[in-house]
Amino acid sequence: MLLARLRGSAAFVEPARVAALGPRYRRALDKGEIGIAAMLEAEDLILACEALVPFAHWTTPTFMPKRFDTRFYLAAAPAEQVLLHDGGEAVDSVWIRPQDALAQADAGTRTLVPATRLNVEKLGRCGLVADAIAAARADTITEVLPERIDTAAGITLRIPAAAGYGITEFELPAGG
């Protein structure tokens, strides 16, 4: 999704123009031959960063071999813009209601890592995109750095209550 405007315009870039940018720039961007700033300059575009609303901040627990510091954002998708994954960083994409994603995870047909599952659950408390964005704007983002607690049953992770997930502990799934 490209959240951008023509310089001097209030409207998002037209869907047809966004679709044309992919074939022209995707490969060069992925290879690092051009940066996003150079593409925006060449196309006379500016990013609409104000359309991104902070939603969550998760940092991988310290005991994990691979660690990430990840910030999650919400944004209303521009009307008629076709959204695609890049095939490298994100290799699949699907539009799905939070409740359906959770039901599929419970049925074992979709994998949701704990941070994703908790964010989908939190997002699912809102019925509409506008409601989710309003709730996120009103919220204070609390970093979630799960703390490891070893129990007889396995590993439990503790997260801050202030993060707003409605729980403060959950079991680490087998395999991490």
N, C-alpha and C. Protein backbone atom coordinates (compact mmCIF):
# COMPACT_ATOMS: atom_id res chain seq x y z
N MET A 1 0.86 -1.16 0.00
CA MET A 1 0.00 0.00 0.00
C MET A 1 0.91 1.22 0.00
N LEU A 2 0.64 2.13 -0.86
CA LEU A 2 1.42 3.36 -0.91
C LEU A 2 0.55 4.49 -0.39
N LEU A 3 0.90 5.00 0.78
CA LEU A 3 0.21 6.15 1.35
C LEU A 3 0.98 7.39 0.94
N ALA A 4 0.61 7.93 -0.21
CA ALA A 4 1.33 9.09 -0.75
C ALA A 4 0.36 9.98 -1.52
N ARG A 5 0.80 11.22 -1.70
CA ARG A 5 0.03 12.22 -2.44
C ARG A 5 0.95 12.89 -3.45
N LEU A 6 0.35 13.38 -4.52
CA LEU A 6 1.10 14.26 -5.40
C LEU A 6 1.43 15.51 -4.61
N ARG A 7 2.63 16.01 -4.79
CA ARG A 7 3.02 17.22 -4.07
C ARG A 7 1.97 18.31 -4.29
N GLY A 8 1.47 18.87 -3.18
CA GLY A 8 0.47 19.93 -3.25
C GLY A 8 -0.96 19.44 -3.28
N SER A 9 -1.19 18.14 -3.30
CA SER A 9 -2.54 17.59 -3.35
C SER A 9 -2.93 17.03 -1.99
N ALA A 10 -4.23 17.04 -1.70
CA ALA A 10 -4.74 16.45 -0.46
C ALA A 10 -5.17 15.01 -0.68
N ALA A 11 -5.36 14.62 -1.93
CA ALA A 11 -5.87 13.27 -2.24
C ALA A 11 -4.71 12.28 -2.37
N PHE A 12 -5.00 11.02 -2.02
CA PHE A 12 -4.01 9.97 -2.23
C PHE A 12 -3.79 9.78 -3.73
N VAL A 13 -2.63 9.25 -4.07
CA VAL A 13 -2.30 8.96 -5.47
C VAL A 13 -3.35 8.01 -6.05
N GLU A 14 -3.72 8.26 -7.29
CA GLU A 14 -4.71 7.42 -7.97
C GLU A 14 -4.25 5.96 -8.05
N PRO A 15 -5.17 5.01 -7.89
CA PRO A 15 -4.82 3.59 -7.93
C PRO A 15 -4.06 3.17 -9.19
N ALA A 16 -4.43 3.69 -10.33
CA ALA A 16 -3.75 3.32 -11.58
C ALA A 16 -2.29 3.76 -11.56
N ARG A 17 -2.04 4.92 -10.99
CA ARG A 17 -0.66 5.42 -10.91
C ARG A 17 0.15 4.57 -9.94
N VAL A 18 -0.45 4.21 -8.82
CA VAL A 18 0.24 3.35 -7.86
C VAL A 18 0.59 2.02 -8.52
N ALA A 19 -0.35 1.43 -9.25
CA ALA A 19 -0.11 0.15 -9.93
C ALA A 19 1.05 0.25 -10.92
N ALA A 20 1.19 1.40 -11.57
CA ALA A 20 2.26 1.58 -12.55
C ALA A 20 3.63 1.74 -11.90
N LEU A 21 3.66 2.16 -10.64
CA LEU A 21 4.94 2.38 -9.97
C LEU A 21 5.66 1.06 -9.67
N GLY A 22 4.90 0.01 -9.37
CA GLY A 22 5.49 -1.28 -9.03
C GLY A 22 6.45 -1.79 -10.09
N PRO A 23 5.98 -1.98 -11.33
CA PRO A 23 6.88 -2.49 -12.36
C PRO A 23 8.09 -1.58 -12.61
N ARG A 24 7.92 -0.28 -12.40
CA ARG A 24 9.02 0.65 -12.64
C ARG A 24 10.07 0.66 -11.54
N TYR A 25 9.64 0.46 -10.28
CA TYR A 25 10.55 0.68 -9.17
C TYR A 25 10.79 -0.51 -8.23
N ARG A 26 9.90 -1.48 -8.18
CA ARG A 26 9.99 -2.52 -7.15
C ARG A 26 11.35 -3.21 -7.12
N ARG A 27 11.82 -3.66 -8.27
CA ARG A 27 13.09 -4.40 -8.30
C ARG A 27 14.26 -3.54 -7.84
N ALA A 28 14.33 -2.33 -8.32
CA ALA A 28 15.42 -1.43 -7.93
C ALA A 28 15.35 -1.09 -6.44
N LEU A 29 14.15 -0.91 -5.91
CA LEU A 29 14.00 -0.65 -4.48
C LEU A 29 14.45 -1.87 -3.67
N ASP A 30 14.01 -3.06 -4.07
CA ASP A 30 14.37 -4.28 -3.36
C ASP A 30 15.87 -4.53 -3.36
N LYS A 31 16.54 -4.20 -4.46
CA LYS A 31 17.99 -4.42 -4.57
C LYS A 31 18.80 -3.29 -3.93
N GLY A 32 18.14 -2.23 -3.48
CA GLY A 32 18.86 -1.12 -2.89
C GLY A 32 19.51 -0.21 -3.90
N GLU A 33 19.12 -0.35 -5.18
CA GLU A 33 19.69 0.49 -6.24
C GLU A 33 19.10 1.89 -6.22
N ILE A 34 17.94 2.02 -5.60
CA ILE A 34 17.28 3.31 -5.45
C ILE A 34 16.58 3.30 -4.10
N GLY A 35 16.51 4.44 -3.46
CA GLY A 35 15.81 4.55 -2.18
C GLY A 35 14.41 5.11 -2.40
N ILE A 36 13.58 4.93 -1.40
CA ILE A 36 12.20 5.41 -1.51
C ILE A 36 12.17 6.93 -1.73
N ALA A 37 13.09 7.66 -1.11
CA ALA A 37 13.11 9.12 -1.27
C ALA A 37 13.37 9.50 -2.72
N ALA A 38 14.27 8.78 -3.40
CA ALA A 38 14.56 9.08 -4.81
C ALA A 38 13.35 8.77 -5.68
N MET A 39 12.65 7.66 -5.39
CA MET A 39 11.46 7.34 -6.16
C MET A 39 10.38 8.41 -5.97
N LEU A 40 10.18 8.82 -4.72
CA LEU A 40 9.17 9.85 -4.45
C LEU A 40 9.52 11.15 -5.16
N GLU A 41 10.79 11.53 -5.14
CA GLU A 41 11.23 12.76 -5.80
C GLU A 41 11.00 12.67 -7.31
N ALA A 42 11.36 11.54 -7.90
CA ALA A 42 11.20 11.36 -9.34
C ALA A 42 9.73 11.40 -9.76
N GLU A 43 8.85 10.96 -8.87
CA GLU A 43 7.42 10.91 -9.19
C GLU A 43 6.64 12.12 -8.64
N ASP A 44 7.36 13.06 -8.00
CA ASP A 44 6.75 14.25 -7.40
C ASP A 44 5.69 13.88 -6.37
N LEU A 45 6.03 12.91 -5.52
CA LEU A 45 5.12 12.43 -4.48
C LEU A 45 5.67 12.75 -3.10
N ILE A 46 4.77 12.84 -2.13
CA ILE A 46 5.15 12.95 -0.72
C ILE A 46 4.38 11.88 0.05
N LEU A 47 5.06 11.29 1.03
CA LEU A 47 4.39 10.28 1.84
C LEU A 47 3.34 10.93 2.73
N ALA A 48 2.25 10.22 2.95
CA ALA A 48 1.17 10.69 3.83
C ALA A 48 1.35 10.02 5.20
N CYS A 49 2.45 10.33 5.85
CA CYS A 49 2.80 9.69 7.12
C CYS A 49 1.74 9.93 8.19
N GLU A 50 1.03 11.04 8.09
CA GLU A 50 0.00 11.34 9.08
C GLU A 50 -1.16 10.34 9.03
N ALA A 51 -1.25 9.57 7.95
CA ALA A 51 -2.30 8.57 7.82
C ALA A 51 -1.99 7.30 8.62
N LEU A 52 -0.73 7.15 9.06
CA LEU A 52 -0.34 6.01 9.88
C LEU A 52 -0.61 6.32 11.35
N VAL A 53 -1.30 5.42 12.02
CA VAL A 53 -1.63 5.60 13.43
C VAL A 53 -0.93 4.52 14.24
N PRO A 54 -0.06 4.90 15.18
CA PRO A 54 0.62 3.90 16.00
C PRO A 54 -0.40 3.01 16.72
N PHE A 55 -0.14 1.70 16.71
CA PHE A 55 -1.07 0.74 17.31
C PHE A 55 -0.39 -0.09 18.41
N ALA A 56 0.85 -0.53 18.19
CA ALA A 56 1.53 -1.36 19.17
C ALA A 56 3.03 -1.31 18.95
N HIS A 57 3.77 -1.72 19.99
CA HIS A 57 5.23 -1.76 19.93
C HIS A 57 5.68 -3.02 20.67
N TRP A 58 6.23 -3.97 19.93
CA TRP A 58 6.70 -5.23 20.51
C TRP A 58 8.18 -5.40 20.26
N THR A 59 8.89 -5.87 21.27
CA THR A 59 10.29 -6.25 21.14
C THR A 59 10.40 -7.71 21.53
N THR A 60 11.11 -8.48 20.72
CA THR A 60 11.28 -9.90 20.97
C THR A 60 11.96 -10.12 22.32
N PRO A 61 11.51 -11.14 23.07
CA PRO A 61 12.15 -11.42 24.37
C PRO A 61 13.66 -11.62 24.25
N THR A 62 14.37 -11.26 25.30
CA THR A 62 15.84 -11.29 25.28
C THR A 62 16.42 -12.68 25.10
N PHE A 63 15.68 -13.73 25.44
CA PHE A 63 16.21 -15.09 25.32
C PHE A 63 16.07 -15.68 23.92
N MET A 64 15.38 -15.00 23.04
CA MET A 64 15.18 -15.51 21.68
C MET A 64 16.45 -15.29 20.85
N PRO A 65 16.81 -16.25 19.99
CA PRO A 65 18.03 -16.11 19.19
C PRO A 65 17.95 -15.00 18.14
N LYS A 66 16.76 -14.76 17.58
CA LYS A 66 16.55 -13.66 16.64
C LYS A 66 15.66 -12.65 17.33
N ARG A 67 16.06 -11.38 17.29
CA ARG A 67 15.29 -10.37 17.99
C ARG A 67 14.85 -9.28 17.03
N PHE A 68 13.67 -8.73 17.31
CA PHE A 68 13.09 -7.67 16.50
C PHE A 68 12.52 -6.60 17.41
N ASP A 69 12.57 -5.37 16.97
CA ASP A 69 11.92 -4.25 17.63
C ASP A 69 10.90 -3.76 16.61
N THR A 70 9.64 -4.10 16.83
CA THR A 70 8.61 -3.91 15.80
C THR A 70 7.52 -2.95 16.27
N ARG A 71 7.20 -2.03 15.40
CA ARG A 71 6.09 -1.10 15.65
C ARG A 71 4.99 -1.42 14.65
N PHE A 72 3.77 -1.48 15.17
CA PHE A 72 2.60 -1.79 14.36
C PHE A 72 1.78 -0.51 14.19
N TYR A 73 1.28 -0.31 12.97
CA TYR A 73 0.49 0.87 12.67
C TYR A 73 -0.83 0.47 12.02
N LEU A 74 -1.82 1.34 12.14
CA LEU A 74 -3.08 1.18 11.43
C LEU A 74 -3.18 2.29 10.39
N ALA A 75 -3.86 2.00 9.31
CA ALA A 75 -4.16 3.00 8.29
C ALA A 75 -5.36 2.51 7.51
N ALA A 76 -6.21 3.42 7.11
CA ALA A 76 -7.32 3.08 6.23
C ALA A 76 -6.76 2.98 4.82
N ALA A 77 -6.99 1.86 4.17
CA ALA A 77 -6.48 1.68 2.81
C ALA A 77 -7.19 2.65 1.86
N PRO A 78 -6.43 3.32 1.00
CA PRO A 78 -7.07 4.20 0.02
C PRO A 78 -8.04 3.40 -0.86
N ALA A 79 -9.17 3.99 -1.13
CA ALA A 79 -10.21 3.32 -1.93
C ALA A 79 -9.63 2.85 -3.27
N GLU A 80 -9.93 1.63 -3.62
CA GLU A 80 -9.60 1.02 -4.90
C GLU A 80 -8.11 0.75 -5.13
N GLN A 81 -7.26 1.06 -4.15
CA GLN A 81 -5.85 0.74 -4.34
C GLN A 81 -5.66 -0.75 -4.13
N VAL A 82 -5.01 -1.41 -5.07
CA VAL A 82 -4.74 -2.83 -4.96
C VAL A 82 -3.49 -3.00 -4.09
N LEU A 83 -3.63 -3.81 -3.06
CA LEU A 83 -2.54 -4.02 -2.13
C LEU A 83 -1.87 -5.35 -2.42
N LEU A 84 -0.55 -5.34 -2.49
CA LEU A 84 0.20 -6.55 -2.82
C LEU A 84 1.35 -6.74 -1.85
N HIS A 85 1.72 -7.99 -1.60
CA HIS A 85 2.94 -8.26 -0.84
C HIS A 85 4.11 -8.14 -1.80
N ASP A 86 5.31 -8.02 -1.25
CA ASP A 86 6.48 -7.79 -2.10
C ASP A 86 7.16 -9.07 -2.58
N GLY A 87 6.76 -10.24 -2.03
CA GLY A 87 7.36 -11.49 -2.47
C GLY A 87 8.69 -11.80 -1.83
N GLY A 88 9.20 -10.89 -1.00
CA GLY A 88 10.48 -11.11 -0.32
C GLY A 88 10.32 -11.02 1.18
N GLU A 89 10.11 -9.83 1.66
CA GLU A 89 9.87 -9.61 3.09
C GLU A 89 8.52 -10.20 3.50
N ALA A 90 7.51 -9.94 2.71
CA ALA A 90 6.17 -10.51 2.93
C ALA A 90 5.85 -11.37 1.71
N VAL A 91 5.63 -12.65 1.95
CA VAL A 91 5.46 -13.58 0.83
C VAL A 91 4.01 -14.00 0.60
N ASP A 92 3.11 -13.51 1.43
CA ASP A 92 1.70 -13.82 1.25
C ASP A 92 0.90 -12.70 1.88
N SER A 93 -0.28 -12.47 1.37
CA SER A 93 -1.15 -11.45 1.94
C SER A 93 -2.59 -11.86 1.72
N VAL A 94 -3.43 -11.44 2.63
CA VAL A 94 -4.85 -11.78 2.56
C VAL A 94 -5.63 -10.71 3.32
N TRP A 95 -6.78 -10.35 2.80
CA TRP A 95 -7.70 -9.48 3.53
C TRP A 95 -8.62 -10.40 4.32
N ILE A 96 -8.66 -10.22 5.62
CA ILE A 96 -9.44 -11.12 6.46
C ILE A 96 -9.89 -10.36 7.71
N ARG A 97 -11.09 -10.67 8.15
CA ARG A 97 -11.58 -10.06 9.38
C ARG A 97 -10.82 -10.66 10.57
N PRO A 98 -10.57 -9.88 11.60
CA PRO A 98 -9.85 -10.41 12.76
C PRO A 98 -10.48 -11.69 13.32
N GLN A 99 -11.80 -11.71 13.41
CA GLN A 99 -12.48 -12.89 13.96
C GLN A 99 -12.23 -14.13 13.10
N ASP A 100 -12.17 -13.96 11.79
CA ASP A 100 -11.90 -15.09 10.89
C ASP A 100 -10.46 -15.58 11.03
N ALA A 101 -9.52 -14.66 11.17
CA ALA A 101 -8.11 -15.05 11.36
C ALA A 101 -7.96 -15.83 12.65
N LEU A 102 -8.63 -15.38 13.71
CA LEU A 102 -8.54 -16.08 14.99
C LEU A 102 -9.19 -17.46 14.92
N ALA A 103 -10.34 -17.55 14.24
CA ALA A 103 -11.01 -18.85 14.09
C ALA A 103 -10.14 -19.82 13.30
N GLN A 104 -9.49 -19.33 12.26
CA GLN A 104 -8.60 -20.19 11.47
C GLN A 104 -7.39 -20.63 12.29
N ALA A 105 -6.86 -19.73 13.12
CA ALA A 105 -5.74 -20.10 13.98
C ALA A 105 -6.17 -21.17 14.98
N ASP A 106 -7.36 -21.01 15.54
CA ASP A 106 -7.87 -21.99 16.50
C ASP A 106 -8.10 -23.35 15.83
N ALA A 107 -8.46 -23.33 14.55
CA ALA A 107 -8.70 -24.57 13.81
C ALA A 107 -7.40 -25.17 13.27
N GLY A 108 -6.29 -24.45 13.42
CA GLY A 108 -5.00 -24.95 12.96
C GLY A 108 -4.73 -24.73 11.48
N THR A 109 -5.54 -23.91 10.81
CA THR A 109 -5.33 -23.66 9.39
C THR A 109 -4.59 -22.35 9.11
N ARG A 110 -4.31 -21.58 10.15
CA ARG A 110 -3.55 -20.33 10.03
C ARG A 110 -2.63 -20.24 11.23
N THR A 111 -1.41 -19.82 11.01
CA THR A 111 -0.45 -19.65 12.10
C THR A 111 -0.40 -18.18 12.50
N LEU A 112 -0.58 -17.94 13.77
CA LEU A 112 -0.44 -16.59 14.31
C LEU A 112 0.54 -16.67 15.48
N VAL A 113 1.69 -16.02 15.34
CA VAL A 113 2.63 -15.97 16.45
C VAL A 113 1.99 -15.14 17.56
N PRO A 114 2.44 -15.30 18.81
CA PRO A 114 1.76 -14.64 19.93
C PRO A 114 1.54 -13.13 19.75
N ALA A 115 2.54 -12.39 19.33
CA ALA A 115 2.37 -10.94 19.17
C ALA A 115 1.29 -10.64 18.13
N THR A 116 1.30 -11.38 17.03
CA THR A 116 0.29 -11.16 15.99
C THR A 116 -1.09 -11.52 16.52
N ARG A 117 -1.19 -12.65 17.19
CA ARG A 117 -2.49 -13.07 17.72
C ARG A 117 -3.06 -12.02 18.68
N LEU A 118 -2.23 -11.54 19.60
CA LEU A 118 -2.73 -10.55 20.56
C LEU A 118 -3.12 -9.25 19.86
N ASN A 119 -2.36 -8.85 18.84
CA ASN A 119 -2.72 -7.64 18.10
C ASN A 119 -4.01 -7.85 17.30
N VAL A 120 -4.20 -9.02 16.73
CA VAL A 120 -5.44 -9.30 15.99
C VAL A 120 -6.62 -9.30 16.95
N GLU A 121 -6.44 -9.89 18.13
CA GLU A 121 -7.52 -9.88 19.13
C GLU A 121 -7.87 -8.45 19.53
N LYS A 122 -6.84 -7.63 19.78
CA LYS A 122 -7.06 -6.23 20.18
C LYS A 122 -7.76 -5.47 19.05
N LEU A 123 -7.30 -5.68 17.84
CA LEU A 123 -7.92 -5.03 16.68
C LEU A 123 -9.37 -5.47 16.52
N GLY A 124 -9.64 -6.75 16.78
CA GLY A 124 -10.98 -7.30 16.62
C GLY A 124 -12.01 -6.76 17.60
N ARG A 125 -11.57 -6.05 18.62
CA ARG A 125 -12.51 -5.43 19.56
C ARG A 125 -13.26 -4.26 18.92
N CYS A 126 -12.76 -3.78 17.81
CA CYS A 126 -13.38 -2.66 17.10
C CYS A 126 -14.13 -3.20 15.88
N GLY A 127 -15.32 -2.70 15.65
CA GLY A 127 -16.13 -3.19 14.54
C GLY A 127 -15.75 -2.62 13.19
N LEU A 128 -15.29 -1.39 13.16
CA LEU A 128 -15.00 -0.70 11.91
C LEU A 128 -13.57 -0.16 11.92
N VAL A 129 -13.03 0.04 10.74
CA VAL A 129 -11.68 0.62 10.62
C VAL A 129 -11.61 1.96 11.35
N ALA A 130 -12.62 2.80 11.15
CA ALA A 130 -12.63 4.12 11.79
C ALA A 130 -12.62 3.99 13.31
N ASP A 131 -13.32 2.98 13.85
CA ASP A 131 -13.33 2.75 15.30
C ASP A 131 -11.95 2.33 15.78
N ALA A 132 -11.30 1.45 15.03
CA ALA A 132 -9.97 0.97 15.41
C ALA A 132 -8.96 2.13 15.39
N ILE A 133 -9.05 2.97 14.38
CA ILE A 133 -8.13 4.11 14.28
C ILE A 133 -8.39 5.10 15.41
N ALA A 134 -9.66 5.37 15.72
CA ALA A 134 -9.97 6.29 16.82
C ALA A 134 -9.47 5.73 18.15
N ALA A 135 -9.64 4.43 18.37
CA ALA A 135 -9.16 3.80 19.62
C ALA A 135 -7.64 3.88 19.70
N ALA A 136 -6.96 3.64 18.58
CA ALA A 136 -5.49 3.70 18.57
C ALA A 136 -5.01 5.13 18.83
N ARG A 137 -5.68 6.10 18.26
CA ARG A 137 -5.29 7.50 18.49
C ARG A 137 -5.44 7.88 19.96
N ALA A 138 -6.44 7.32 20.63
CA ALA A 138 -6.69 7.65 22.03
C ALA A 138 -5.79 6.87 22.99
N ASP A 139 -5.15 5.82 22.50
CA ASP A 139 -4.34 4.94 23.33
C ASP A 139 -2.91 5.47 23.49
N THR A 140 -2.29 5.11 24.58
CA THR A 140 -0.86 5.37 24.77
C THR A 140 -0.14 4.06 24.49
N ILE A 141 0.83 4.09 23.61
CA ILE A 141 1.54 2.88 23.24
C ILE A 141 2.54 2.52 24.34
N THR A 142 2.44 1.30 24.81
CA THR A 142 3.36 0.76 25.82
C THR A 142 4.19 -0.32 25.15
N GLU A 143 5.50 -0.21 25.23
CA GLU A 143 6.34 -1.25 24.64
C GLU A 143 6.09 -2.57 25.35
N VAL A 144 5.97 -3.62 24.54
CA VAL A 144 5.81 -4.97 25.07
C VAL A 144 7.12 -5.72 24.83
N LEU A 145 7.82 -5.99 25.92
CA LEU A 145 9.03 -6.81 25.91
C LEU A 145 8.73 -7.97 26.84
N PRO A 146 8.21 -9.08 26.30
CA PRO A 146 7.78 -10.18 27.15
C PRO A 146 8.91 -10.68 28.06
N GLU A 147 8.54 -10.90 29.31
CA GLU A 147 9.47 -11.40 30.32
C GLU A 147 9.25 -12.90 30.48
N ARG A 148 10.31 -13.66 30.46
CA ARG A 148 10.23 -15.11 30.56
C ARG A 148 10.04 -15.56 32.02
N ILE A 149 9.09 -16.47 32.18
CA ILE A 149 8.87 -17.10 33.48
C ILE A 149 8.84 -18.60 33.23
N ASP A 150 9.79 -19.33 33.83
CA ASP A 150 9.83 -20.78 33.68
C ASP A 150 8.88 -21.41 34.70
N THR A 151 7.99 -22.26 34.22
CA THR A 151 7.05 -22.95 35.09
C THR A 151 7.17 -24.45 34.84
N ALA A 152 6.50 -25.23 35.67
CA ALA A 152 6.51 -26.69 35.51
C ALA A 152 5.90 -27.08 34.16
N ALA A 153 4.97 -26.28 33.68
CA ALA A 153 4.29 -26.58 32.41
C ALA A 153 5.07 -26.12 31.19
N GLY A 154 6.08 -25.28 31.39
CA GLY A 154 6.84 -24.75 30.25
C GLY A 154 7.20 -23.30 30.47
N ILE A 155 7.22 -22.56 29.40
CA ILE A 155 7.60 -21.14 29.46
C ILE A 155 6.34 -20.28 29.39
N THR A 156 6.22 -19.37 30.33
CA THR A 156 5.15 -18.38 30.32
C THR A 156 5.80 -17.03 30.05
N LEU A 157 5.12 -16.20 29.29
CA LEU A 157 5.61 -14.85 29.03
C LEU A 157 4.70 -13.84 29.72
N ARG A 158 5.30 -12.85 30.35
CA ARG A 158 4.55 -11.80 31.04
C ARG A 158 4.70 -10.51 30.25
N ILE A 159 3.58 -9.82 30.07
CA ILE A 159 3.58 -8.55 29.34
C ILE A 159 2.91 -7.49 30.22
N PRO A 160 3.17 -6.22 29.97
CA PRO A 160 2.59 -5.17 30.79
C PRO A 160 1.08 -5.04 30.60
N ALA A 161 0.36 -4.89 31.70
CA ALA A 161 -1.09 -4.68 31.62
C ALA A 161 -1.42 -3.41 30.85
N ALA A 162 -0.55 -2.40 30.96
CA ALA A 162 -0.78 -1.10 30.29
C ALA A 162 -0.81 -1.21 28.77
N ALA A 163 -0.32 -2.33 28.22
CA ALA A 163 -0.32 -2.50 26.76
C ALA A 163 -1.74 -2.71 26.22
N GLY A 164 -2.68 -3.06 27.09
CA GLY A 164 -4.08 -3.12 26.67
C GLY A 164 -4.54 -4.39 25.99
N TYR A 165 -3.89 -5.52 26.26
CA TYR A 165 -4.30 -6.77 25.61
C TYR A 165 -5.30 -7.57 26.44
N GLY A 166 -5.59 -7.12 27.65
CA GLY A 166 -6.56 -7.81 28.48
C GLY A 166 -5.98 -9.02 29.20
N ILE A 167 -4.71 -9.31 28.99
CA ILE A 167 -4.00 -10.37 29.70
C ILE A 167 -2.62 -9.85 30.07
N THR A 168 -2.00 -10.51 31.02
CA THR A 168 -0.62 -10.13 31.37
C THR A 168 0.33 -11.31 31.25
N GLU A 169 -0.20 -12.51 31.04
CA GLU A 169 0.64 -13.69 30.87
C GLU A 169 0.04 -14.63 29.84
N PHE A 170 0.93 -15.33 29.11
CA PHE A 170 0.49 -16.37 28.19
C PHE A 170 1.61 -17.36 28.01
N GLU A 171 1.23 -18.60 27.68
CA GLU A 171 2.23 -19.64 27.48
C GLU A 171 2.89 -19.47 26.12
N LEU A 172 4.20 -19.69 26.09
CA LEU A 172 4.93 -19.67 24.83
C LEU A 172 4.60 -20.96 24.11
N PRO A 173 4.12 -20.89 22.87
CA PRO A 173 3.80 -22.11 22.13
C PRO A 173 5.05 -22.98 21.92
N ALA A 174 4.85 -24.28 21.83
CA ALA A 174 5.96 -25.20 21.58
C ALA A 174 6.71 -24.76 20.33
N GLY A 175 8.01 -24.77 20.39
CA GLY A 175 8.81 -24.35 19.24
C GLY A 175 9.06 -22.86 19.20
N GLY A 176 8.53 -22.10 20.17
CA GLY A 176 8.82 -20.67 20.25
C GLY A 176 7.82 -19.85 19.51
